[in-house]
PDB file of N, CA and C in Angstrom:
ATOM      1  N   MET A   1      35.656   2.288  19.785  1.00  0.00           N
ATOM      2  CA  MET A   1      35.388   1.136  18.939  1.00  0.00           C
ATOM      3  C   MET A   1      34.009   0.561  19.237  1.00  0.00           C
ATOM      4  N   ILE A   2      33.701   0.323  20.518  1.00  0.00           N
ATOM      5  CA  ILE A   2      32.391  -0.209  20.888  1.00  0.00           C
ATOM      6  C   ILE A   2      31.304   0.792  20.531  1.00  0.00           C
ATOM      7  N   MET A   3      31.603   2.082  20.728  1.00  0.00           N
ATOM      8  CA  MET A   3      30.627   3.114  20.399  1.00  0.00           C
ATOM      9  C   MET A   3      30.318   3.118  18.903  1.00  0.00           C
ATOM     10  N   ASP A   4      31.354   2.928  18.073  1.00  0.00           N
ATOM     11  CA  ASP A   4      31.159   2.873  16.626  1.00  0.00           C
ATOM     12  C   ASP A   4      30.287   1.680  16.240  1.00  0.00           C
ATOM     13  N   MET A   5      30.483   0.554  16.918  1.00  0.00           N
ATOM     14  CA  MET A   5      29.675  -0.636  16.634  1.00  0.00           C
ATOM     15  C   MET A   5      28.227  -0.409  17.047  1.00  0.00           C
ATOM     16  N   ASN A   6      28.020   0.261  18.171  1.00  0.00           N
ATOM     17  CA  ASN A   6      26.664   0.565  18.613  1.00  0.00           C
ATOM     18  C   ASN A   6      25.972   1.505  17.636  1.00  0.00           C
ATOM     19  N   LYS A   7      26.715   2.497  17.144  1.00  0.00           N
ATOM     20  CA  LYS A   7      26.152   3.427  16.155  1.00  0.00           C
ATOM     21  C   LYS A   7      25.761   2.670  14.884  1.00  0.00           C
ATOM     22  N   ALA A   8      26.653   1.800  14.440  1.00  0.00           N
ATOM     23  CA  ALA A   8      26.388   1.025  13.228  1.00  0.00           C
ATOM     24  C   ALA A   8      25.157   0.148  13.408  1.00  0.00           C
ATOM     25  N   LYS A   9      25.022  -0.461  14.580  1.00  0.00           N
ATOM     26  CA  LYS A   9      23.858  -1.301  14.844  1.00  0.00           C
ATOM     27  C   LYS A   9      22.583  -0.461  14.871  1.00  0.00           C
ATOM     28  N   MET A  10      22.659   0.722  15.473  1.00  0.00           N
ATOM     29  CA  MET A  10      21.485   1.598  15.531  1.00  0.00           C
ATOM     30  C   MET A  10      21.066   2.038  14.132  1.00  0.00           C
ATOM     31  N   VAL A  11      22.037   2.373  13.295  1.00  0.00           N
ATOM     32  CA  VAL A  11      21.735   2.768  11.915  1.00  0.00           C
ATOM     33  C   VAL A  11      21.135   1.593  11.167  1.00  0.00           C
ATOM     34  N   ASN A  12      21.725   0.429  11.313  1.00  0.00           N
ATOM     35  CA  ASN A  12      21.215  -0.772  10.649  1.00  0.00           C
ATOM     36  C   ASN A  12      19.783  -1.073  11.102  1.00  0.00           C
ATOM     37  N   ASP A  13      19.538  -1.005  12.395  1.00  0.00           N
ATOM     38  CA  ASP A  13      18.191  -1.255  12.923  1.00  0.00           C
ATOM     39  C   ASP A  13      17.185  -0.258  12.366  1.00  0.00           C
ATOM     40  N   ALA A  14      17.588   1.003  12.250  1.00  0.00           N
ATOM     41  CA  ALA A  14      16.702   2.036  11.712  1.00  0.00           C
ATOM     42  C   ALA A  14      16.379   1.761  10.245  1.00  0.00           C
ATOM     43  N   VAL A  15      17.387   1.355   9.488  1.00  0.00           N
ATOM     44  CA  VAL A  15      17.176   1.047   8.068  1.00  0.00           C
ATOM     45  C   VAL A  15      16.243  -0.148   7.921  1.00  0.00           C
ATOM     46  N   VAL A  16      16.482  -1.193   8.684  1.00  0.00           N
ATOM     47  CA  VAL A  16      15.637  -2.386   8.621  1.00  0.00           C
ATOM     48  C   VAL A  16      14.206  -2.035   9.004  1.00  0.00           C
ATOM     49  N   SER A  17      14.043  -1.253  10.046  1.00  0.00           N
ATOM     50  CA  SER A  17      12.713  -0.843  10.494  1.00  0.00           C
ATOM     51  C   SER A  17      11.986  -0.061   9.401  1.00  0.00           C
ATOM     52  N   THR A  18      12.698   0.842   8.766  1.00  0.00           N
ATOM     53  CA  THR A  18      12.106   1.639   7.681  1.00  0.00           C
ATOM     54  C   THR A  18      11.706   0.752   6.508  1.00  0.00           C
ATOM     55  N   LEU A  19      12.565  -0.180   6.140  1.00  0.00           N
ATOM     56  CA  LEU A  19      12.251  -1.087   5.028  1.00  0.00           C
ATOM     57  C   LEU A  19      11.042  -1.962   5.354  1.00  0.00           C
ATOM     58  N   GLU A  20      10.966  -2.445   6.581  1.00  0.00           N
ATOM     59  CA  GLU A  20       9.818  -3.259   6.983  1.00  0.00           C
ATOM     60  C   GLU A  20       8.525  -2.450   6.919  1.00  0.00           C
ATOM     61  N   ARG A  21       8.585  -1.210   7.394  1.00  0.00           N
ATOM     62  CA  ARG A  21       7.392  -0.350   7.374  1.00  0.00           C
ATOM     63  C   ARG A  21       6.948  -0.079   5.934  1.00  0.00           C
ATOM     64  N   LYS A  22       7.922   0.212   5.067  1.00  0.00           N
ATOM     65  CA  LYS A  22       7.584   0.481   3.666  1.00  0.00           C
ATOM     66  C   LYS A  22       7.003  -0.755   2.983  1.00  0.00           C
ATOM     67  N   ALA A  23       7.510  -1.925   3.307  1.00  0.00           N
ATOM     68  CA  ALA A  23       6.995  -3.168   2.729  1.00  0.00           C
ATOM     69  C   ALA A  23       5.556  -3.407   3.177  1.00  0.00           C
ATOM     70  N   LYS A  24       5.272  -3.152   4.449  1.00  0.00           N
ATOM     71  CA  LYS A  24       3.904  -3.309   4.947  1.00  0.00           C
ATOM     72  C   LYS A  24       2.965  -2.329   4.256  1.00  0.00           C
ATOM     73  N   GLU A  25       3.406  -1.081   4.098  1.00  0.00           N
ATOM     74  CA  GLU A  25       2.580  -0.072   3.429  1.00  0.00           C
ATOM     75  C   GLU A  25       2.306  -0.477   1.984  1.00  0.00           C
ATOM     76  N   ALA A  26       3.313  -0.983   1.309  1.00  0.00           N
ATOM     77  CA  ALA A  26       3.148  -1.421  -0.076  1.00  0.00           C
ATOM     78  C   ALA A  26       2.158  -2.576  -0.158  1.00  0.00           C
ATOM     79  N   GLY A  27       2.246  -3.485   0.792  1.00  0.00           N
ATOM     80  CA  GLY A  27       1.310  -4.612   0.823  1.00  0.00           C
ATOM     81  C   GLY A  27      -0.117  -4.155   1.041  1.00  0.00           C
ATOM     82  N   ARG A  28      -0.300  -3.186   1.934  1.00  0.00           N
ATOM     83  CA  ARG A  28      -1.650  -2.665   2.175  1.00  0.00           C
ATOM     84  C   ARG A  28      -2.191  -1.955   0.941  1.00  0.00           C
ATOM     85  N   GLU A  29      -1.324  -1.212   0.267  1.00  0.00           N
ATOM     86  CA  GLU A  29      -1.747  -0.504  -0.942  1.00  0.00           C
ATOM     87  C   GLU A  29      -2.150  -1.499  -2.026  1.00  0.00           C
ATOM     88  N   GLU A  30      -1.366  -2.550  -2.178  1.00  0.00           N
ATOM     89  CA  GLU A  30      -1.686  -3.589  -3.168  1.00  0.00           C
ATOM     90  C   GLU A  30      -3.025  -4.249  -2.841  1.00  0.00           C
ATOM     91  N   GLU A  31      -3.259  -4.488  -1.568  1.00  0.00           N
ATOM     92  CA  GLU A  31      -4.514  -5.105  -1.140  1.00  0.00           C
ATOM     93  C   GLU A  31      -5.706  -4.199  -1.466  1.00  0.00           C
ATOM     94  N   LYS A  32      -5.540  -2.899  -1.301  1.00  0.00           N
ATOM     95  CA  LYS A  32      -6.613  -1.958  -1.639  1.00  0.00           C
ATOM     96  C   LYS A  32      -6.986  -2.082  -3.114  1.00  0.00           C
ATOM     97  N   TYR A  33      -5.962  -2.190  -3.969  1.00  0.00           N
ATOM     98  CA  TYR A  33      -6.222  -2.312  -5.402  1.00  0.00           C
ATOM     99  C   TYR A  33      -6.915  -3.632  -5.726  1.00  0.00           C
ATOM    100  N   GLU A  34      -6.514  -4.697  -5.066  1.00  0.00           N
ATOM    101  CA  GLU A  34      -7.157  -5.988  -5.297  1.00  0.00           C
ATOM    102  C   GLU A  34      -8.625  -5.949  -4.882  1.00  0.00           C
ATOM    103  N   ILE A  35      -8.901  -5.335  -3.743  1.00  0.00           N
ATOM    104  CA  ILE A  35     -10.289  -5.203  -3.279  1.00  0.00           C
ATOM    105  C   ILE A  35     -11.084  -4.369  -4.271  1.00  0.00           C
ATOM    106  N   ALA A  36     -10.505  -3.262  -4.707  1.00  0.00           N
ATOM    107  CA  ALA A  36     -11.188  -2.395  -5.665  1.00  0.00           C
ATOM    108  C   ALA A  36     -11.483  -3.138  -6.969  1.00  0.00           C
ATOM    109  N   LEU A  37     -10.525  -3.914  -7.452  1.00  0.00           N
ATOM    110  CA  LEU A  37     -10.749  -4.678  -8.682  1.00  0.00           C
ATOM    111  C   LEU A  37     -11.891  -5.680  -8.507  1.00  0.00           C
ATOM    112  N   ASN A  38     -11.907  -6.363  -7.377  1.00  0.00           N
ATOM    113  CA  ASN A  38     -12.988  -7.311  -7.112  1.00  0.00           C
ATOM    114  C   ASN A  38     -14.339  -6.602  -7.056  1.00  0.00           C
ATOM    115  N   MET A  39     -14.364  -5.447  -6.417  1.00  0.00           N
ATOM    116  CA  MET A  39     -15.618  -4.696  -6.309  1.00  0.00           C
ATOM    117  C   MET A  39     -16.068  -4.191  -7.682  1.00  0.00           C
ATOM    118  N   LEU A  40     -15.113  -3.767  -8.509  1.00  0.00           N
ATOM    119  CA  LEU A  40     -15.465  -3.328  -9.868  1.00  0.00           C
ATOM    120  C   LEU A  40     -16.037  -4.489 -10.677  1.00  0.00           C
ATOM    121  N   GLU A  41     -15.446  -5.662 -10.525  1.00  0.00           N
ATOM    122  CA  GLU A  41     -15.951  -6.838 -11.239  1.00  0.00           C
ATOM    123  C   GLU A  41     -17.372  -7.183 -10.804  1.00  0.00           C
ATOM    124  N   GLU A  42     -17.694  -6.860  -9.554  1.00  0.00           N
ATOM    125  CA  GLU A  42     -19.045  -7.110  -9.028  1.00  0.00           C
ATOM    126  C   GLU A  42     -19.999  -5.945  -9.324  1.00  0.00           C
ATOM    127  N   LYS A  43     -19.499  -4.965 -10.095  1.00  0.00           N
ATOM    128  CA  LYS A  43     -20.301  -3.798 -10.505  1.00  0.00           C
ATOM    129  C   LYS A  43     -20.744  -2.925  -9.324  1.00  0.00           C
ATOM    130  N   GLU A  44     -19.910  -2.859  -8.285  1.00  0.00           N
ATOM    131  CA  GLU A  44     -20.205  -1.996  -7.147  1.00  0.00           C
ATOM    132  C   GLU A  44     -20.011  -0.536  -7.569  1.00  0.00           C
ATOM    133  N   PRO A  45     -20.783   0.385  -7.004  1.00  0.00           N
ATOM    134  CA  PRO A  45     -20.625   1.809  -7.351  1.00  0.00           C
ATOM    135  C   PRO A  45     -19.259   2.349  -6.896  1.00  0.00           C
ATOM    136  N   ILE A  46     -18.733   3.276  -7.672  1.00  0.00           N
ATOM    137  CA  ILE A  46     -17.428   3.855  -7.364  1.00  0.00           C
ATOM    138  C   ILE A  46     -17.404   4.459  -5.967  1.00  0.00           C
ATOM    139  N   GLU A  47     -18.468   5.130  -5.580  1.00  0.00           N
ATOM    140  CA  GLU A  47     -18.511   5.764  -4.255  1.00  0.00           C
ATOM    141  C   GLU A  47     -18.320   4.733  -3.136  1.00  0.00           C
ATOM    142  N   LYS A  48     -18.893   3.569  -3.319  1.00  0.00           N
ATOM    143  CA  LYS A  48     -18.746   2.503  -2.322  1.00  0.00           C
ATOM    144  C   LYS A  48     -17.308   1.996  -2.294  1.00  0.00           C
ATOM    145  N   ILE A  49     -16.698   1.874  -3.456  1.00  0.00           N
ATOM    146  CA  ILE A  49     -15.313   1.412  -3.539  1.00  0.00           C
ATOM    147  C   ILE A  49     -14.384   2.418  -2.866  1.00  0.00           C
ATOM    148  N   VAL A  50     -14.635   3.703  -3.090  1.00  0.00           N
ATOM    149  CA  VAL A  50     -13.849   4.750  -2.435  1.00  0.00           C
ATOM    150  C   VAL A  50     -13.965   4.610  -0.919  1.00  0.00           C
ATOM    151  N   LYS A  51     -15.175   4.406  -0.452  1.00  0.00           N
ATOM    152  CA  LYS A  51     -15.415   4.301   0.987  1.00  0.00           C
ATOM    153  C   LYS A  51     -14.645   3.143   1.608  1.00  0.00           C
ATOM    154  N   TYR A  52     -14.637   1.999   0.950  1.00  0.00           N
ATOM    155  CA  TYR A  52     -14.041   0.804   1.539  1.00  0.00           C
ATOM    156  C   TYR A  52     -12.547   0.629   1.264  1.00  0.00           C
ATOM    157  N   THR A  53     -12.013   1.359   0.294  1.00  0.00           N
ATOM    158  CA  THR A  53     -10.591   1.185  -0.032  1.00  0.00           C
ATOM    159  C   THR A  53      -9.746   2.422   0.237  1.00  0.00           C
ATOM    160  N   ASP A  54     -10.377   3.568   0.378  1.00  0.00           N
ATOM    161  CA  ASP A  54      -9.663   4.844   0.522  1.00  0.00           C
ATOM    162  C   ASP A  54      -8.858   5.212  -0.718  1.00  0.00           C
ATOM    163  N   LEU A  55      -9.145   4.570  -1.831  1.00  0.00           N
ATOM    164  CA  LEU A  55      -8.545   4.993  -3.096  1.00  0.00           C
ATOM    165  C   LEU A  55      -9.322   6.196  -3.609  1.00  0.00           C
ATOM    166  N   THR A  56      -8.697   6.971  -4.476  1.00  0.00           N
ATOM    167  CA  THR A  56      -9.388   8.125  -5.049  1.00  0.00           C
ATOM    168  C   THR A  56     -10.283   7.669  -6.199  1.00  0.00           C
ATOM    169  N   ILE A  57     -11.212   8.521  -6.549  1.00  0.00           N
ATOM    170  CA  ILE A  57     -12.092   8.232  -7.691  1.00  0.00           C
ATOM    171  C   ILE A  57     -11.247   8.038  -8.948  1.00  0.00           C
ATOM    172  N   GLU A  58     -10.228   8.866  -9.105  1.00  0.00           N
ATOM    173  CA  GLU A  58      -9.368   8.765 -10.291  1.00  0.00           C
ATOM    174  C   GLU A  58      -8.655   7.413 -10.338  1.00  0.00           C
ATOM    175  N   GLN A  59      -8.155   6.948  -9.193  1.00  0.00           N
ATOM    176  CA  GLN A  59      -7.476   5.645  -9.155  1.00  0.00           C
ATOM    177  C   GLN A  59      -8.433   4.523  -9.541  1.00  0.00           C
ATOM    178  N   ILE A  60      -9.652   4.609  -9.061  1.00  0.00           N
ATOM    179  CA  ILE A  60     -10.640   3.565  -9.356  1.00  0.00           C
ATOM    180  C   ILE A  60     -11.038   3.608 -10.823  1.00  0.00           C
ATOM    181  N   LYS A  61     -11.176   4.810 -11.371  1.00  0.00           N
ATOM    182  CA  LYS A  61     -11.504   4.920 -12.802  1.00  0.00           C
ATOM    183  C   LYS A  61     -10.393   4.347 -13.660  1.00  0.00           C
ATOM    184  N   GLU A  62      -9.144   4.543 -13.241  1.00  0.00           N
ATOM    185  CA  GLU A  62      -8.017   3.948 -13.980  1.00  0.00           C
ATOM    186  C   GLU A  62      -8.080   2.429 -13.937  1.00  0.00           C
ATOM    187  N   LEU A  63      -8.406   1.894 -12.764  1.00  0.00           N
ATOM    188  CA  LEU A  63      -8.546   0.436 -12.653  1.00  0.00           C
ATOM    189  C   LEU A  63      -9.667  -0.078 -13.540  1.00  0.00           C
ATOM    190  N   ARG A  64     -10.747   0.661 -13.582  1.00  0.00           N
ATOM    191  CA  ARG A  64     -11.898   0.256 -14.392  1.00  0.00           C
ATOM    192  C   ARG A  64     -11.510   0.208 -15.864  1.00  0.00           C
ATOM    193  N   THR A  65     -10.703   1.170 -16.333  1.00  0.00           N
ATOM    194  CA  THR A  65     -10.302   1.137 -17.736  1.00  0.00           C
ATOM    195  C   THR A  65      -9.406  -0.055 -18.033  1.00  0.00           C
ATOM    196  N   GLU A  66      -8.644  -0.496 -17.034  1.00  0.00           N
ATOM    197  CA  GLU A  66      -7.804  -1.689 -17.212  1.00  0.00           C
ATOM    198  C   GLU A  66      -8.647  -2.942 -17.368  1.00  0.00           C
ATOM    199  N   LEU A  67      -9.832  -2.957 -16.743  1.00  0.00           N
ATOM    200  CA  LEU A  67     -10.709  -4.119 -16.837  1.00  0.00           C
ATOM    201  C   LEU A  67     -11.427  -4.185 -18.187  1.00  0.00           C
ATOM    202  N   ASP A  68     -11.629  -3.033 -18.792  1.00  0.00           N
ATOM    203  CA  ASP A  68     -12.384  -2.992 -20.074  1.00  0.00           C
ATOM    204  C   ASP A  68     -11.584  -3.490 -21.240  1.00  0.00           C
TER     205      ASP A  68
END
């Protein structure tokens, strides 16, 4: 019985940890897009945006079309 509770707690902790990690990753990804949008509005070159955000050229071009 105690072993089953420990297993359940370990599984729960693993799930929570995974969800927290995914939420942080999603937040970082969203921040990259916000930075890229700001840089596009400032007419920064795509190569510079790629360097500072790690987004692909294609992702940045898609963002640029959304601004137009």
